[in-house]
């Protein structure tokens, strides 16, 4: 099992605008059957973690409908309305005990840190992040939520072009 941070980024390193919007991403062309695309990646995932801004955007964008069947933990400093029938847990604090719960819930599948970048960074700080997958879109945002606001050493283990996206998969190198 591995813990992945799978996300898209603008060329200047932002995953969302200053208003926490991902609308810029939805304007880009990608082949959902192509290399490193989301549908194939998502098949290997047994549990998810999201930050509050990512969860809120998904809920607004999807009209309040939760599209995931996997157990999901949302890191938030306040309460959130959970869609009826969704396995969504609102949590706060240290990521390590939540990671242990996620591993238990995921069975033999992997974990996905959906976003944001600071949440993925907290998992990395705790030594719990194994891989970073980034789909670089041909757009710059100028400002916004940073891709991963941490200093990490990564090793490129795979790359591909998918339509207009440059896709990279990296292993997180642990300090010695």
C-alpha atoms as a PDB file:
ATOM      1  CA  UNK A   1       0.000   0.000   0.000  1.00  0.00           C
ATOM      2  CA  UNK A   2       1.133   3.522  -0.733  1.00  0.00           C
ATOM      3  CA  UNK A   3      -0.028   7.030   0.086  1.00  0.00           C
ATOM      4  CA  UNK A   4      -0.244   9.231  -3.008  1.00  0.00           C
ATOM      5  CA  UNK A   5      -0.729  12.937  -3.529  1.00  0.00           C
ATOM      6  CA  UNK A   6      -2.337  13.012  -6.985  1.00  0.00           C
ATOM      7  CA  UNK A   7      -3.172  16.474  -8.280  1.00  0.00           C
ATOM      8  CA  UNK A   8      -3.008  18.933 -11.131  1.00  0.00           C
ATOM      9  CA  UNK A   9      -0.928  22.092 -11.110  1.00  0.00           C
ATOM     10  CA  UNK A  10      -0.511  25.210 -13.164  1.00  0.00           C
ATOM     11  CA  UNK A  11       2.945  25.667 -14.669  1.00  0.00           C
ATOM     12  CA  UNK A  12       3.711  28.245 -11.985  1.00  0.00           C
ATOM     13  CA  UNK A  13       2.970  25.773  -9.183  1.00  0.00           C
ATOM     14  CA  UNK A  14      -0.593  26.440  -8.023  1.00  0.00           C
ATOM     15  CA  UNK A  15      -3.370  23.869  -7.557  1.00  0.00           C
ATOM     16  CA  UNK A  16      -6.190  26.382  -7.086  1.00  0.00           C
ATOM     17  CA  UNK A  17      -6.796  30.090  -7.542  1.00  0.00           C
ATOM     18  CA  UNK A  18      -6.787  32.555  -4.660  1.00  0.00           C
ATOM     19  CA  UNK A  19     -10.580  31.973  -4.508  1.00  0.00           C
ATOM     20  CA  UNK A  20      -9.971  28.182  -4.164  1.00  0.00           C
ATOM     21  CA  UNK A  21     -11.362  27.553  -7.645  1.00  0.00           C
ATOM     22  CA  UNK A  22     -10.387  24.730  -9.973  1.00  0.00           C
ATOM     23  CA  UNK A  23     -12.317  26.097 -12.934  1.00  0.00           C
ATOM     24  CA  UNK A  24      -9.002  26.742 -14.746  1.00  0.00           C
ATOM     25  CA  UNK A  25      -8.359  22.993 -14.686  1.00  0.00           C
ATOM     26  CA  UNK A  26     -11.700  22.050 -16.212  1.00  0.00           C
ATOM     27  CA  UNK A  27     -10.922  24.141 -19.315  1.00  0.00           C
ATOM     28  CA  UNK A  28      -7.911  21.948 -20.169  1.00  0.00           C
ATOM     29  CA  UNK A  29      -7.947  19.000 -22.575  1.00  0.00           C
ATOM     30  CA  UNK A  30      -7.013  15.593 -21.184  1.00  0.00           C
ATOM     31  CA  UNK A  31      -7.694  12.073 -22.403  1.00  0.00           C
ATOM     32  CA  UNK A  32      -9.381  10.256 -19.515  1.00  0.00           C
ATOM     33  CA  UNK A  33      -8.264   6.956 -21.068  1.00  0.00           C
ATOM     34  CA  UNK A  34      -4.726   8.249 -21.641  1.00  0.00           C
ATOM     35  CA  UNK A  35      -1.552   7.845 -19.613  1.00  0.00           C
ATOM     36  CA  UNK A  36      -1.648   8.800 -15.925  1.00  0.00           C
ATOM     37  CA  UNK A  37      -5.291   9.874 -16.191  1.00  0.00           C
ATOM     38  CA  UNK A  38      -7.548  10.026 -13.176  1.00  0.00           C
ATOM     39  CA  UNK A  39      -9.953   7.086 -13.831  1.00  0.00           C
ATOM     40  CA  UNK A  40      -7.231   4.418 -13.873  1.00  0.00           C
ATOM     41  CA  UNK A  41      -5.481   5.968 -10.852  1.00  0.00           C
ATOM     42  CA  UNK A  42      -8.729   6.105  -8.848  1.00  0.00           C
ATOM     43  CA  UNK A  43      -9.329   2.347  -9.278  1.00  0.00           C
ATOM     44  CA  UNK A  44      -6.393   1.591  -6.968  1.00  0.00           C
ATOM     45  CA  UNK A  45      -7.622   3.892  -4.158  1.00  0.00           C
ATOM     46  CA  UNK A  46      -9.248   2.590  -0.979  1.00  0.00           C
ATOM     47  CA  UNK A  47      -9.496   5.796   1.094  1.00  0.00           C
ATOM     48  CA  UNK A  48      -9.191   9.557   0.549  1.00  0.00           C
ATOM     49  CA  UNK A  49      -8.155  12.644   2.534  1.00  0.00           C
ATOM     50  CA  UNK A  50      -9.145  16.183   1.574  1.00  0.00           C
ATOM     51  CA  UNK A  51      -8.637  19.617   3.000  1.00  0.00           C
ATOM     52  CA  UNK A  52     -11.709  21.727   3.763  1.00  0.00           C
ATOM     53  CA  UNK A  53     -11.272  24.026   0.747  1.00  0.00           C
ATOM     54  CA  UNK A  54     -11.030  21.084  -1.643  1.00  0.00           C
ATOM     55  CA  UNK A  55     -14.087  19.422  -0.086  1.00  0.00           C
ATOM     56  CA  UNK A  56     -16.080  22.663  -0.237  1.00  0.00           C
ATOM     57  CA  UNK A  57     -15.165  23.207  -3.910  1.00  0.00           C
ATOM     58  CA  UNK A  58     -16.125  19.634  -4.840  1.00  0.00           C
ATOM     59  CA  UNK A  59     -19.463  19.996  -3.062  1.00  0.00           C
ATOM     60  CA  UNK A  60     -20.216  23.315  -4.822  1.00  0.00           C
ATOM     61  CA  UNK A  61     -19.029  22.065  -8.197  1.00  0.00           C
ATOM     62  CA  UNK A  62     -20.987  18.812  -7.978  1.00  0.00           C
ATOM     63  CA  UNK A  63     -24.156  20.440  -6.625  1.00  0.00           C
ATOM     64  CA  UNK A  64     -23.877  18.790  -3.210  1.00  0.00           C
ATOM     65  CA  UNK A  65     -23.561  15.279  -4.635  1.00  0.00           C
ATOM     66  CA  UNK A  66     -20.652  13.191  -3.341  1.00  0.00           C
ATOM     67  CA  UNK A  67     -19.176  11.106  -6.162  1.00  0.00           C
ATOM     68  CA  UNK A  68     -16.766   8.856  -4.259  1.00  0.00           C
ATOM     69  CA  UNK A  69     -17.553   5.479  -2.721  1.00  0.00           C
ATOM     70  CA  UNK A  70     -14.318   5.223  -0.731  1.00  0.00           C
ATOM     71  CA  UNK A  71     -14.207   6.262   2.925  1.00  0.00           C
ATOM     72  CA  UNK A  72     -13.090   9.889   3.078  1.00  0.00           C
ATOM     73  CA  UNK A  73     -11.560  12.062   5.787  1.00  0.00           C
ATOM     74  CA  UNK A  74     -11.951  15.826   5.489  1.00  0.00           C
ATOM     75  CA  UNK A  75      -9.536  17.932   7.533  1.00  0.00           C
ATOM     76  CA  UNK A  76     -11.453  21.023   8.612  1.00  0.00           C
ATOM     77  CA  UNK A  77     -11.438  23.519  11.475  1.00  0.00           C
ATOM     78  CA  UNK A  78     -15.219  23.619  11.577  1.00  0.00           C
ATOM     79  CA  UNK A  79     -18.160  21.406  10.846  1.00  0.00           C
ATOM     80  CA  UNK A  80     -19.250  20.540   7.326  1.00  0.00           C
ATOM     81  CA  UNK A  81     -22.517  19.172   6.032  1.00  0.00           C
ATOM     82  CA  UNK A  82     -21.909  15.604   4.898  1.00  0.00           C
ATOM     83  CA  UNK A  83     -23.945  14.355   1.937  1.00  0.00           C
ATOM     84  CA  UNK A  84     -26.496  11.719   2.877  1.00  0.00           C
ATOM     85  CA  UNK A  85     -25.157   8.201   2.411  1.00  0.00           C
ATOM     86  CA  UNK A  86     -21.558   9.338   1.951  1.00  0.00           C
ATOM     87  CA  UNK A  87     -18.787   7.809   4.066  1.00  0.00           C
ATOM     88  CA  UNK A  88     -17.235  11.194   4.913  1.00  0.00           C
ATOM     89  CA  UNK A  89     -15.656  11.944   8.302  1.00  0.00           C
ATOM     90  CA  UNK A  90     -14.785  15.472   9.387  1.00  0.00           C
ATOM     91  CA  UNK A  91     -11.546  15.556  11.389  1.00  0.00           C
ATOM     92  CA  UNK A  92      -8.880  17.979  12.559  1.00  0.00           C
ATOM     93  CA  UNK A  93      -5.444  17.815  14.090  1.00  0.00           C
ATOM     94  CA  UNK A  94      -2.547  15.440  13.542  1.00  0.00           C
ATOM     95  CA  UNK A  95      -2.602  13.442  10.305  1.00  0.00           C
ATOM     96  CA  UNK A  96      -0.810  10.365  11.754  1.00  0.00           C
ATOM     97  CA  UNK A  97      -3.752   8.798  13.637  1.00  0.00           C
ATOM     98  CA  UNK A  98      -6.051   9.530  10.701  1.00  0.00           C
ATOM     99  CA  UNK A  99      -3.561   7.879   8.342  1.00  0.00           C
ATOM    100  CA  UNK A 100      -3.732   4.734  10.487  1.00  0.00           C
ATOM    101  CA  UNK A 101      -7.550   4.772  10.266  1.00  0.00           C
ATOM    102  CA  UNK A 102      -7.349   5.270   6.513  1.00  0.00           C
ATOM    103  CA  UNK A 103      -4.989   2.311   6.108  1.00  0.00           C
ATOM    104  CA  UNK A 104      -7.383   0.117   8.044  1.00  0.00           C
ATOM    105  CA  UNK A 105     -10.374   1.247   5.965  1.00  0.00           C
ATOM    106  CA  UNK A 106      -8.572   0.936   2.600  1.00  0.00           C
ATOM    107  CA  UNK A 107      -8.043  -2.811   2.807  1.00  0.00           C
ATOM    108  CA  UNK A 108      -5.355  -3.742   0.289  1.00  0.00           C
ATOM    109  CA  UNK A 109      -5.736  -0.529  -1.724  1.00  0.00           C
ATOM    110  CA  UNK A 110      -3.757   2.714  -1.690  1.00  0.00           C
ATOM    111  CA  UNK A 111      -4.511   6.068  -0.064  1.00  0.00           C
ATOM    112  CA  UNK A 112      -5.064   9.321  -1.946  1.00  0.00           C
ATOM    113  CA  UNK A 113      -4.363  12.751  -0.513  1.00  0.00           C
ATOM    114  CA  UNK A 114      -6.650  14.705  -2.834  1.00  0.00           C
ATOM    115  CA  UNK A 115      -5.686  18.193  -1.699  1.00  0.00           C
ATOM    116  CA  UNK A 116      -4.642  20.681  -0.781  1.00  0.00           C
ATOM    117  CA  UNK A 117      -0.944  21.094  -0.922  1.00  0.00           C
ATOM    118  CA  UNK A 118      -0.529  21.932   2.742  1.00  0.00           C
ATOM    119  CA  UNK A 119      -2.445  18.800   3.758  1.00  0.00           C
ATOM    120  CA  UNK A 120      -0.192  16.681   1.532  1.00  0.00           C
ATOM    121  CA  UNK A 121       2.740  18.489   3.157  1.00  0.00           C
ATOM    122  CA  UNK A 122       1.523  17.492   6.616  1.00  0.00           C
ATOM    123  CA  UNK A 123       1.492  13.833   5.544  1.00  0.00           C
ATOM    124  CA  UNK A 124       5.018  14.306   4.126  1.00  0.00           C
ATOM    125  CA  UNK A 125       6.176  15.969   7.371  1.00  0.00           C
ATOM    126  CA  UNK A 126       4.968  12.893   9.275  1.00  0.00           C
ATOM    127  CA  UNK A 127       6.840  10.559   6.873  1.00  0.00           C
ATOM    128  CA  UNK A 128       3.528   9.202   5.536  1.00  0.00           C
ATOM    129  CA  UNK A 129       3.617  10.355   1.899  1.00  0.00           C
ATOM    130  CA  UNK A 130       5.083   7.906  -0.608  1.00  0.00           C
ATOM    131  CA  UNK A 131       4.394   9.415  -4.022  1.00  0.00           C
ATOM    132  CA  UNK A 132       3.490  12.703  -5.676  1.00  0.00           C
ATOM    133  CA  UNK A 133       1.675  12.612  -9.026  1.00  0.00           C
ATOM    134  CA  UNK A 134       1.371  15.956 -10.793  1.00  0.00           C
ATOM    135  CA  UNK A 135      -0.494  16.690 -14.011  1.00  0.00           C
ATOM    136  CA  UNK A 136       0.968  20.029 -15.187  1.00  0.00           C
ATOM    137  CA  UNK A 137      -1.568  22.070 -17.161  1.00  0.00           C
ATOM    138  CA  UNK A 138      -0.511  24.627 -19.792  1.00  0.00           C
ATOM    139  CA  UNK A 139      -1.709  27.612 -17.803  1.00  0.00           C
ATOM    140  CA  UNK A 140      -0.289  30.024 -15.235  1.00  0.00           C
ATOM    141  CA  UNK A 141      -2.363  31.445 -12.379  1.00  0.00           C
ATOM    142  CA  UNK A 142       0.032  34.012 -10.921  1.00  0.00           C
ATOM    143  CA  UNK A 143      -1.120  33.271  -7.359  1.00  0.00           C
ATOM    144  CA  UNK A 144      -3.192  30.786  -5.431  1.00  0.00           C
ATOM    145  CA  UNK A 145      -2.855  27.624  -3.357  1.00  0.00           C
ATOM    146  CA  UNK A 146       0.678  26.240  -3.808  1.00  0.00           C
ATOM    147  CA  UNK A 147       1.263  22.727  -5.131  1.00  0.00           C
ATOM    148  CA  UNK A 148       3.254  21.549  -2.115  1.00  0.00           C
ATOM    149  CA  UNK A 149       4.522  24.229   0.264  1.00  0.00           C
ATOM    150  CA  UNK A 150       7.334  22.102   1.684  1.00  0.00           C
ATOM    151  CA  UNK A 151      10.907  21.306   0.888  1.00  0.00           C
ATOM    152  CA  UNK A 152      10.947  17.709  -0.315  1.00  0.00           C
ATOM    153  CA  UNK A 153      13.384  15.646  -2.297  1.00  0.00           C
ATOM    154  CA  UNK A 154      11.664  13.639  -5.008  1.00  0.00           C
ATOM    155  CA  UNK A 155      12.777  11.047  -7.527  1.00  0.00           C
ATOM    156  CA  UNK A 156      11.064  10.968 -10.926  1.00  0.00           C
ATOM    157  CA  UNK A 157       9.811   7.420 -11.501  1.00  0.00           C
ATOM    158  CA  UNK A 158       7.483   7.913 -14.492  1.00  0.00           C
ATOM    159  CA  UNK A 159       6.318  10.605 -16.906  1.00  0.00           C
ATOM    160  CA  UNK A 160       3.961  10.950 -19.842  1.00  0.00           C
ATOM    161  CA  UNK A 161       2.185  13.409 -22.064  1.00  0.00           C
ATOM    162  CA  UNK A 162      -1.603  13.325 -21.959  1.00  0.00           C
ATOM    163  CA  UNK A 163      -3.083  15.773 -24.474  1.00  0.00           C
ATOM    164  CA  UNK A 164      -1.878  19.169 -23.230  1.00  0.00           C
ATOM    165  CA  UNK A 165      -0.739  17.887 -19.798  1.00  0.00           C
ATOM    166  CA  UNK A 166       2.792  16.960 -18.806  1.00  0.00           C
ATOM    167  CA  UNK A 167       2.356  14.229 -16.196  1.00  0.00           C
ATOM    168  CA  UNK A 168       4.977  13.235 -13.645  1.00  0.00           C
ATOM    169  CA  UNK A 169       5.061  10.596 -10.939  1.00  0.00           C
ATOM    170  CA  UNK A 170       7.628  11.043  -8.174  1.00  0.00           C
ATOM    171  CA  UNK A 171       8.786   8.972  -5.211  1.00  0.00           C
ATOM    172  CA  UNK A 172       9.208  10.913  -1.979  1.00  0.00           C
ATOM    173  CA  UNK A 173      12.775  10.443  -0.753  1.00  0.00           C
ATOM    174  CA  UNK A 174      13.109  10.132   3.017  1.00  0.00           C
ATOM    175  CA  UNK A 175      15.862  12.070   4.771  1.00  0.00           C
ATOM    176  CA  UNK A 176      18.718   9.819   5.841  1.00  0.00           C
END
